[in-house]
Amino acid sequence: MALKPVKVTMADHEPVVATLVTAGVGLAVMIEDEALVYREAGQAAVWDEIVGTVDLNFIYDRRRAKEAIIGAAVDTVKTVWAD
């Protein structure tokens, strides 16, 4: 059985996503810590089962690659995502 949503909205601003979910008009993939806040407040249900993975990308302006802050961010992402 292939289920398809009636409408699809994409948002990258977490409060917008949370508003849709807590209003009962949406389902979302959220940052776990933020989703748990809504669950603890009784505003949302969180499905705890892991069913797959999500590809993440880290991007930055190539012209800024030699800046210390960019280098530190890249190193941090490499360390965190190494797992």
PDB file of N, CA and C in Angstrom:
ATOM      1  N   MET A   1       0.837  -1.167   0.000  1.00  0.00           N
ATOM      2  CA  MET A   1       0.000   0.000   0.000  1.00  0.00           C
ATOM      3  C   MET A   1       0.889   1.240   0.000  1.00  0.00           C
ATOM      4  N   ALA A   2       0.763   2.077  -0.976  1.00  0.00           N
ATOM      5  CA  ALA A   2       1.549   3.302  -1.068  1.00  0.00           C
ATOM      6  C   ALA A   2       0.697   4.479  -0.611  1.00  0.00           C
ATOM      7  N   LEU A   3       1.069   5.044   0.525  1.00  0.00           N
ATOM      8  CA  LEU A   3       0.350   6.199   1.038  1.00  0.00           C
ATOM      9  C   LEU A   3       1.021   7.470   0.555  1.00  0.00           C
ATOM     10  N   LYS A   4       0.235   8.450   0.169  1.00  0.00           N
ATOM     11  CA  LYS A   4       0.773   9.726  -0.268  1.00  0.00           C
ATOM     12  C   LYS A   4       0.063  10.844   0.491  1.00  0.00           C
ATOM     13  N   PRO A   5       0.819  11.844   0.938  1.00  0.00           N
ATOM     14  CA  PRO A   5       0.174  12.948   1.635  1.00  0.00           C
ATOM     15  C   PRO A   5      -0.692  13.771   0.686  1.00  0.00           C
ATOM     16  N   VAL A   6      -1.754  14.339   1.237  1.00  0.00           N
ATOM     17  CA  VAL A   6      -2.627  15.185   0.438  1.00  0.00           C
ATOM     18  C   VAL A   6      -1.899  16.472   0.074  1.00  0.00           C
ATOM     19  N   LYS A   7      -1.192  17.058   1.025  1.00  0.00           N
ATOM     20  CA  LYS A   7      -0.423  18.274   0.795  1.00  0.00           C
ATOM     21  C   LYS A   7       0.946  18.097   1.426  1.00  0.00           C
ATOM     22  N   VAL A   8       1.924  18.737   0.836  1.00  0.00           N
ATOM     23  CA  VAL A   8       3.281  18.690   1.369  1.00  0.00           C
ATOM     24  C   VAL A   8       3.774  20.114   1.523  1.00  0.00           C
ATOM     25  N   THR A   9       4.294  20.432   2.686  1.00  0.00           N
ATOM     26  CA  THR A   9       4.896  21.727   2.942  1.00  0.00           C
ATOM     27  C   THR A   9       6.296  21.477   3.450  1.00  0.00           C
ATOM     28  N   MET A  10       7.247  22.200   2.938  1.00  0.00           N
ATOM     29  CA  MET A  10       8.614  22.072   3.421  1.00  0.00           C
ATOM     30  C   MET A  10       8.966  23.348   4.161  1.00  0.00           C
ATOM     31  N   ALA A  11       9.530  23.200   5.345  1.00  0.00           N
ATOM     32  CA  ALA A  11       9.939  24.350   6.137  1.00  0.00           C
ATOM     33  C   ALA A  11      11.258  24.031   6.823  1.00  0.00           C
ATOM     34  N   ASP A  12      12.131  25.004   6.893  1.00  0.00           N
ATOM     35  CA  ASP A  12      13.402  24.793   7.575  1.00  0.00           C
ATOM     36  C   ASP A  12      13.504  25.657   8.829  1.00  0.00           C
ATOM     37  N   HIS A  13      12.381  26.204   9.246  1.00  0.00           N
ATOM     38  CA  HIS A  13      12.333  27.030  10.449  1.00  0.00           C
ATOM     39  C   HIS A  13      11.553  26.239  11.494  1.00  0.00           C
ATOM     40  N   GLU A  14      12.254  25.744  12.498  1.00  0.00           N
ATOM     41  CA  GLU A  14      11.667  24.816  13.460  1.00  0.00           C
ATOM     42  C   GLU A  14      10.359  25.306  14.091  1.00  0.00           C
ATOM     43  N   PRO A  15      10.225  26.594  14.433  1.00  0.00           N
ATOM     44  CA  PRO A  15       8.939  27.037  14.997  1.00  0.00           C
ATOM     45  C   PRO A  15       7.761  26.866  14.032  1.00  0.00           C
ATOM     46  N   VAL A  16       7.995  27.014  12.743  1.00  0.00           N
ATOM     47  CA  VAL A  16       6.925  26.799  11.760  1.00  0.00           C
ATOM     48  C   VAL A  16       6.516  25.332  11.762  1.00  0.00           C
ATOM     49  N   VAL A  17       7.494  24.470  11.754  1.00  0.00           N
ATOM     50  CA  VAL A  17       7.228  23.029  11.785  1.00  0.00           C
ATOM     51  C   VAL A  17       6.453  22.669  13.054  1.00  0.00           C
ATOM     52  N   ALA A  18       6.918  23.173  14.182  1.00  0.00           N
ATOM     53  CA  ALA A  18       6.261  22.867  15.458  1.00  0.00           C
ATOM     54  C   ALA A  18       4.833  23.389  15.488  1.00  0.00           C
ATOM     55  N   THR A  19       4.596  24.554  14.928  1.00  0.00           N
ATOM     56  CA  THR A  19       3.242  25.116  14.892  1.00  0.00           C
ATOM     57  C   THR A  19       2.305  24.219  14.104  1.00  0.00           C
ATOM     58  N   LEU A  20       2.751  23.718  12.969  1.00  0.00           N
ATOM     59  CA  LEU A  20       1.925  22.822  12.164  1.00  0.00           C
ATOM     60  C   LEU A  20       1.610  21.539  12.929  1.00  0.00           C
ATOM     61  N   VAL A  21       2.607  20.995  13.583  1.00  0.00           N
ATOM     62  CA  VAL A  21       2.412  19.741  14.322  1.00  0.00           C
ATOM     63  C   VAL A  21       1.483  19.955  15.510  1.00  0.00           C
ATOM     64  N   THR A  22       1.749  20.982  16.317  1.00  0.00           N
ATOM     65  CA  THR A  22       0.939  21.186  17.518  1.00  0.00           C
ATOM     66  C   THR A  22      -0.478  21.637  17.192  1.00  0.00           C
ATOM     67  N   ALA A  23      -0.687  22.174  15.995  1.00  0.00           N
ATOM     68  CA  ALA A  23      -2.041  22.537  15.564  1.00  0.00           C
ATOM     69  C   ALA A  23      -2.788  21.325  15.017  1.00  0.00           C
ATOM     70  N   GLY A  24      -2.085  20.200  14.894  1.00  0.00           N
ATOM     71  CA  GLY A  24      -2.723  18.982  14.410  1.00  0.00           C
ATOM     72  C   GLY A  24      -2.867  18.895  12.911  1.00  0.00           C
ATOM     73  N   VAL A  25      -2.119  19.717  12.191  1.00  0.00           N
ATOM     74  CA  VAL A  25      -2.228  19.699  10.730  1.00  0.00           C
ATOM     75  C   VAL A  25      -0.949  19.222  10.052  1.00  0.00           C
ATOM     76  N   GLY A  26      -0.051  18.621  10.806  1.00  0.00           N
ATOM     77  CA  GLY A  26       1.179  18.194  10.162  1.00  0.00           C
ATOM     78  C   GLY A  26       1.898  17.092  10.908  1.00  0.00           C
ATOM     79  N   LEU A  27       2.775  16.459  10.177  1.00  0.00           N
ATOM     80  CA  LEU A  27       3.736  15.491  10.696  1.00  0.00           C
ATOM     81  C   LEU A  27       5.095  16.052  10.333  1.00  0.00           C
ATOM     82  N   ALA A  28       6.120  15.746  11.114  1.00  0.00           N
ATOM     83  CA  ALA A  28       7.407  16.368  10.825  1.00  0.00           C
ATOM     84  C   ALA A  28       8.573  15.500  11.249  1.00  0.00           C
ATOM     85  N   VAL A  29       9.699  15.763  10.634  1.00  0.00           N
ATOM     86  CA  VAL A  29      10.989  15.262  11.083  1.00  0.00           C
ATOM     87  C   VAL A  29      11.608  16.453  11.807  1.00  0.00           C
ATOM     88  N   MET A  30      11.889  16.262  13.088  1.00  0.00           N
ATOM     89  CA  MET A  30      12.407  17.357  13.901  1.00  0.00           C
ATOM     90  C   MET A  30      13.668  16.931  14.633  1.00  0.00           C
ATOM     91  N   ILE A  31      14.388  17.906  15.130  1.00  0.00           N
ATOM     92  CA  ILE A  31      15.515  17.642  16.013  1.00  0.00           C
ATOM     93  C   ILE A  31      14.951  16.978  17.265  1.00  0.00           C
ATOM     94  N   GLU A  32      15.539  15.861  17.654  1.00  0.00           N
ATOM     95  CA  GLU A  32      14.979  15.067  18.748  1.00  0.00           C
ATOM     96  C   GLU A  32      14.776  15.864  20.024  1.00  0.00           C
ATOM     97  N   ASP A  33      15.782  16.614  20.459  1.00  0.00           N
ATOM     98  CA  ASP A  33      15.659  17.375  21.705  1.00  0.00           C
ATOM     99  C   ASP A  33      14.475  18.334  21.667  1.00  0.00           C
ATOM    100  N   GLU A  34      14.241  18.956  20.519  1.00  0.00           N
ATOM    101  CA  GLU A  34      13.124  19.888  20.397  1.00  0.00           C
ATOM    102  C   GLU A  34      11.791  19.149  20.369  1.00  0.00           C
ATOM    103  N   ALA A  35      11.753  18.026  19.693  1.00  0.00           N
ATOM    104  CA  ALA A  35      10.523  17.233  19.639  1.00  0.00           C
ATOM    105  C   ALA A  35      10.130  16.749  21.031  1.00  0.00           C
ATOM    106  N   LEU A  36      11.111  16.375  21.833  1.00  0.00           N
ATOM    107  CA  LEU A  36      10.823  15.875  23.174  1.00  0.00           C
ATOM    108  C   LEU A  36      10.227  16.952  24.073  1.00  0.00           C
ATOM    109  N   VAL A  37      10.586  18.205  23.842  1.00  0.00           N
ATOM    110  CA  VAL A  37       9.988  19.309  24.604  1.00  0.00           C
ATOM    111  C   VAL A  37       8.482  19.355  24.346  1.00  0.00           C
ATOM    112  N   TYR A  38       8.092  19.200  23.088  1.00  0.00           N
ATOM    113  CA  TYR A  38       6.670  19.214  22.740  1.00  0.00           C
ATOM    114  C   TYR A  38       5.949  17.987  23.307  1.00  0.00           C
ATOM    115  N   ARG A  39       6.632  16.850  23.315  1.00  0.00           N
ATOM    116  CA  ARG A  39       6.017  15.657  23.901  1.00  0.00           C
ATOM    117  C   ARG A  39       5.811  15.842  25.403  1.00  0.00           C
ATOM    118  N   GLU A  40       6.823  16.357  26.095  1.00  0.00           N
ATOM    119  CA  GLU A  40       6.720  16.563  27.541  1.00  0.00           C
ATOM    120  C   GLU A  40       5.609  17.556  27.887  1.00  0.00           C
ATOM    121  N   ALA A  41       5.355  18.526  26.996  1.00  0.00           N
ATOM    122  CA  ALA A  41       4.297  19.510  27.215  1.00  0.00           C
ATOM    123  C   ALA A  41       2.928  18.960  26.827  1.00  0.00           C
ATOM    124  N   GLY A  42       2.898  17.731  26.314  1.00  0.00           N
ATOM    125  CA  GLY A  42       1.641  17.122  25.897  1.00  0.00           C
ATOM    126  C   GLY A  42       1.099  17.684  24.593  1.00  0.00           C
ATOM    127  N   GLN A  43       1.966  18.307  23.797  1.00  0.00           N
ATOM    128  CA  GLN A  43       1.538  18.945  22.549  1.00  0.00           C
ATOM    129  C   GLN A  43       1.787  18.091  21.312  1.00  0.00           C
ATOM    130  N   ALA A  44       2.547  17.022  21.457  1.00  0.00           N
ATOM    131  CA  ALA A  44       2.869  16.195  20.292  1.00  0.00           C
ATOM    132  C   ALA A  44       3.233  14.784  20.747  1.00  0.00           C
ATOM    133  N   ALA A  45       3.102  13.866  19.836  1.00  0.00           N
ATOM    134  CA  ALA A  45       3.568  12.499  20.056  1.00  0.00           C
ATOM    135  C   ALA A  45       4.864  12.329  19.278  1.00  0.00           C
ATOM    136  N   VAL A  46       5.770  11.559  19.824  1.00  0.00           N
ATOM    137  CA  VAL A  46       7.055  11.323  19.164  1.00  0.00           C
ATOM    138  C   VAL A  46       7.181   9.831  18.906  1.00  0.00           C
ATOM    139  N   TRP A  47       7.422   9.487  17.659  1.00  0.00           N
ATOM    140  CA  TRP A  47       7.625   8.082  17.299  1.00  0.00           C
ATOM    141  C   TRP A  47       9.090   7.772  17.543  1.00  0.00           C
ATOM    142  N   ASP A  48       9.358   6.894  18.489  1.00  0.00           N
ATOM    143  CA  ASP A  48      10.725   6.611  18.909  1.00  0.00           C
ATOM    144  C   ASP A  48      11.440   5.554  18.068  1.00  0.00           C
ATOM    145  N   GLU A  49      10.728   4.899  17.192  1.00  0.00           N
ATOM    146  CA  GLU A  49      11.335   3.840  16.388  1.00  0.00           C
ATOM    147  C   GLU A  49      12.195   4.436  15.278  1.00  0.00           C
ATOM    148  N   ILE A  50      13.406   3.946  15.149  1.00  0.00           N
ATOM    149  CA  ILE A  50      14.296   4.403  14.077  1.00  0.00           C
ATOM    150  C   ILE A  50      13.968   3.595  12.827  1.00  0.00           C
ATOM    151  N   VAL A  51      13.630   4.281  11.754  1.00  0.00           N
ATOM    152  CA  VAL A  51      13.209   3.586  10.537  1.00  0.00           C
ATOM    153  C   VAL A  51      14.119   3.855   9.349  1.00  0.00           C
ATOM    154  N   GLY A  52      15.121   4.664   9.528  1.00  0.00           N
ATOM    155  CA  GLY A  52      16.006   4.956   8.408  1.00  0.00           C
ATOM    156  C   GLY A  52      16.992   6.037   8.788  1.00  0.00           C
ATOM    157  N   THR A  53      17.573   6.626   7.787  1.00  0.00           N
ATOM    158  CA  THR A  53      18.542   7.690   8.015  1.00  0.00           C
ATOM    159  C   THR A  53      18.157   8.906   7.185  1.00  0.00           C
ATOM    160  N   VAL A  54      18.728  10.020   7.548  1.00  0.00           N
ATOM    161  CA  VAL A  54      18.510  11.266   6.821  1.00  0.00           C
ATOM    162  C   VAL A  54      19.876  11.794   6.422  1.00  0.00           C
ATOM    163  N   ASP A  55      20.041  12.101   5.156  1.00  0.00           N
ATOM    164  CA  ASP A  55      21.297  12.682   4.700  1.00  0.00           C
ATOM    165  C   ASP A  55      21.364  14.144   5.115  1.00  0.00           C
ATOM    166  N   LEU A  56      22.488  14.528   5.687  1.00  0.00           N
ATOM    167  CA  LEU A  56      22.717  15.912   6.069  1.00  0.00           C
ATOM    168  C   LEU A  56      23.891  16.456   5.270  1.00  0.00           C
ATOM    169  N   ASN A  57      23.848  17.725   4.998  1.00  0.00           N
ATOM    170  CA  ASN A  57      24.934  18.382   4.284  1.00  0.00           C
ATOM    171  C   ASN A  57      25.362  19.616   5.055  1.00  0.00           C
ATOM    172  N   PHE A  58      26.645  19.893   5.031  1.00  0.00           N
ATOM    173  CA  PHE A  58      27.193  21.102   5.650  1.00  0.00           C
ATOM    174  C   PHE A  58      27.781  21.916   4.512  1.00  0.00           C
ATOM    175  N   ILE A  59      27.302  23.128   4.348  1.00  0.00           N
ATOM    176  CA  ILE A  59      27.797  23.939   3.242  1.00  0.00           C
ATOM    177  C   ILE A  59      28.314  25.272   3.759  1.00  0.00           C
ATOM    178  N   TYR A  60      29.225  25.848   3.018  1.00  0.00           N
ATOM    179  CA  TYR A  60      29.778  27.163   3.358  1.00  0.00           C
ATOM    180  C   TYR A  60      30.323  27.783   2.083  1.00  0.00           C
ATOM    181  N   ASP A  61      30.527  29.078   2.144  1.00  0.00           N
ATOM    182  CA  ASP A  61      31.050  29.817   0.994  1.00  0.00           C
ATOM    183  C   ASP A  61      32.518  29.423   0.780  1.00  0.00           C
ATOM    184  N   ARG A  62      32.814  28.863  -0.360  1.00  0.00           N
ATOM    185  CA  ARG A  62      34.166  28.395  -0.675  1.00  0.00           C
ATOM    186  C   ARG A  62      35.209  29.503  -0.532  1.00  0.00           C
ATOM    187  N   ARG A  63      34.798  30.738  -0.785  1.00  0.00           N
ATOM    188  CA  ARG A  63      35.738  31.870  -0.683  1.00  0.00           C
ATOM    189  C   ARG A  63      36.166  32.122   0.764  1.00  0.00           C
ATOM    190  N   ARG A  64      35.444  31.564   1.706  1.00  0.00           N
ATOM    191  CA  ARG A  64      35.771  31.761   3.120  1.00  0.00           C
ATOM    192  C   ARG A  64      36.474  30.550   3.729  1.00  0.00           C
ATOM    193  N   ALA A  65      36.855  29.591   2.903  1.00  0.00           N
ATOM    194  CA  ALA A  65      37.399  28.314   3.385  1.00  0.00           C
ATOM    195  C   ALA A  65      38.636  28.473   4.265  1.00  0.00           C
ATOM    196  N   LYS A  66      39.421  29.505   4.066  1.00  0.00           N
ATOM    197  CA  LYS A  66      40.658  29.668   4.841  1.00  0.00           C
ATOM    198  C   LYS A  66      40.463  30.446   6.139  1.00  0.00           C
ATOM    199  N   GLU A  67      39.243  30.900   6.390  1.00  0.00           N
ATOM    200  CA  GLU A  67      38.977  31.624   7.637  1.00  0.00           C
ATOM    201  C   GLU A  67      38.972  30.643   8.804  1.00  0.00           C
ATOM    202  N   ALA A  68      39.526  31.079   9.935  1.00  0.00           N
ATOM    203  CA  ALA A  68      39.644  30.219  11.115  1.00  0.00           C
ATOM    204  C   ALA A  68      38.285  29.694  11.587  1.00  0.00           C
ATOM    205  N   ILE A  69      37.287  30.541  11.587  1.00  0.00           N
ATOM    206  CA  ILE A  69      35.972  30.123  12.078  1.00  0.00           C
ATOM    207  C   ILE A  69      35.357  29.044  11.190  1.00  0.00           C
ATOM    208  N   ILE A  70      35.569  29.157   9.889  1.00  0.00           N
ATOM    209  CA  ILE A  70      35.061  28.135   8.955  1.00  0.00           C
ATOM    210  C   ILE A  70      35.820  26.836   9.165  1.00  0.00           C
ATOM    211  N   GLY A  71      37.138  26.931   9.305  1.00  0.00           N
ATOM    212  CA  GLY A  71      37.946  25.734   9.552  1.00  0.00           C
ATOM    213  C   GLY A  71      37.534  25.024  10.831  1.00  0.00           C
ATOM    214  N   ALA A  72      37.264  25.798  11.879  1.00  0.00           N
ATOM    215  CA  ALA A  72      36.833  25.209  13.144  1.00  0.00           C
ATOM    216  C   ALA A  72      35.478  24.523  12.984  1.00  0.00           C
ATOM    217  N   ALA A  73      34.577  25.151  12.252  1.00  0.00           N
ATOM    218  CA  ALA A  73      33.253  24.550  12.027  1.00  0.00           C
ATOM    219  C   ALA A  73      33.379  23.250  11.239  1.00  0.00           C
ATOM    220  N   VAL A  74      34.194  23.262  10.197  1.00  0.00           N
ATOM    221  CA  VAL A  74      34.399  22.057   9.377  1.00  0.00           C
ATOM    222  C   VAL A  74      34.995  20.940  10.235  1.00  0.00           C
ATOM    223  N   ASP A  75      35.993  21.265  11.038  1.00  0.00           N
ATOM    224  CA  ASP A  75      36.609  20.250  11.904  1.00  0.00           C
ATOM    225  C   ASP A  75      35.598  19.676  12.892  1.00  0.00           C
ATOM    226  N   THR A  76      34.764  20.535  13.449  1.00  0.00           N
ATOM    227  CA  THR A  76      33.755  20.080  14.403  1.00  0.00           C
ATOM    228  C   THR A  76      32.750  19.155  13.742  1.00  0.00           C
ATOM    229  N   VAL A  77      32.282  19.546  12.559  1.00  0.00           N
ATOM    230  CA  VAL A  77      31.323  18.709  11.837  1.00  0.00           C
ATOM    231  C   VAL A  77      31.947  17.359  11.510  1.00  0.00           C
ATOM    232  N   LYS A  78      33.189  17.359  11.062  1.00  0.00           N
ATOM    233  CA  LYS A  78      33.871  16.086  10.766  1.00  0.00           C
ATOM    234  C   LYS A  78      33.948  15.197  12.006  1.00  0.00           C
ATOM    235  N   THR A  79      34.241  15.796  13.154  1.00  0.00           N
ATOM    236  CA  THR A  79      34.335  15.032  14.388  1.00  0.00           C
ATOM    237  C   THR A  79      32.982  14.469  14.798  1.00  0.00           C
ATOM    238  N   VAL A  80      31.967  15.305  14.784  1.00  0.00           N
ATOM    239  CA  VAL A  80      30.625  14.880  15.209  1.00  0.00           C
ATOM    240  C   VAL A  80      30.058  13.849  14.252  1.00  0.00           C
ATOM    241  N   TRP A  81      30.225  14.076  12.965  1.00  0.00           N
ATOM    242  CA  TRP A  81      29.631  13.187  11.967  1.00  0.00           C
ATOM    243  C   TRP A  81      30.472  11.934  11.714  1.00  0.00           C
ATOM    244  N   ALA A  82      31.637  11.825  12.332  1.00  0.00           N
ATOM    245  CA  ALA A  82      32.489  10.660  12.132  1.00  0.00           C
ATOM    246  C   ALA A  82      31.820   9.390  12.650  1.00  0.00           C
ATOM    247  N   ASP A  83      30.902   9.547  13.613  1.00  0.00           N
ATOM    248  CA  ASP A  83      30.212   8.393  14.168  1.00  0.00           C
ATOM    249  C   ASP A  83      29.248   7.866  13.144  1.00  0.00           C
TER     250      ASP A  83
END
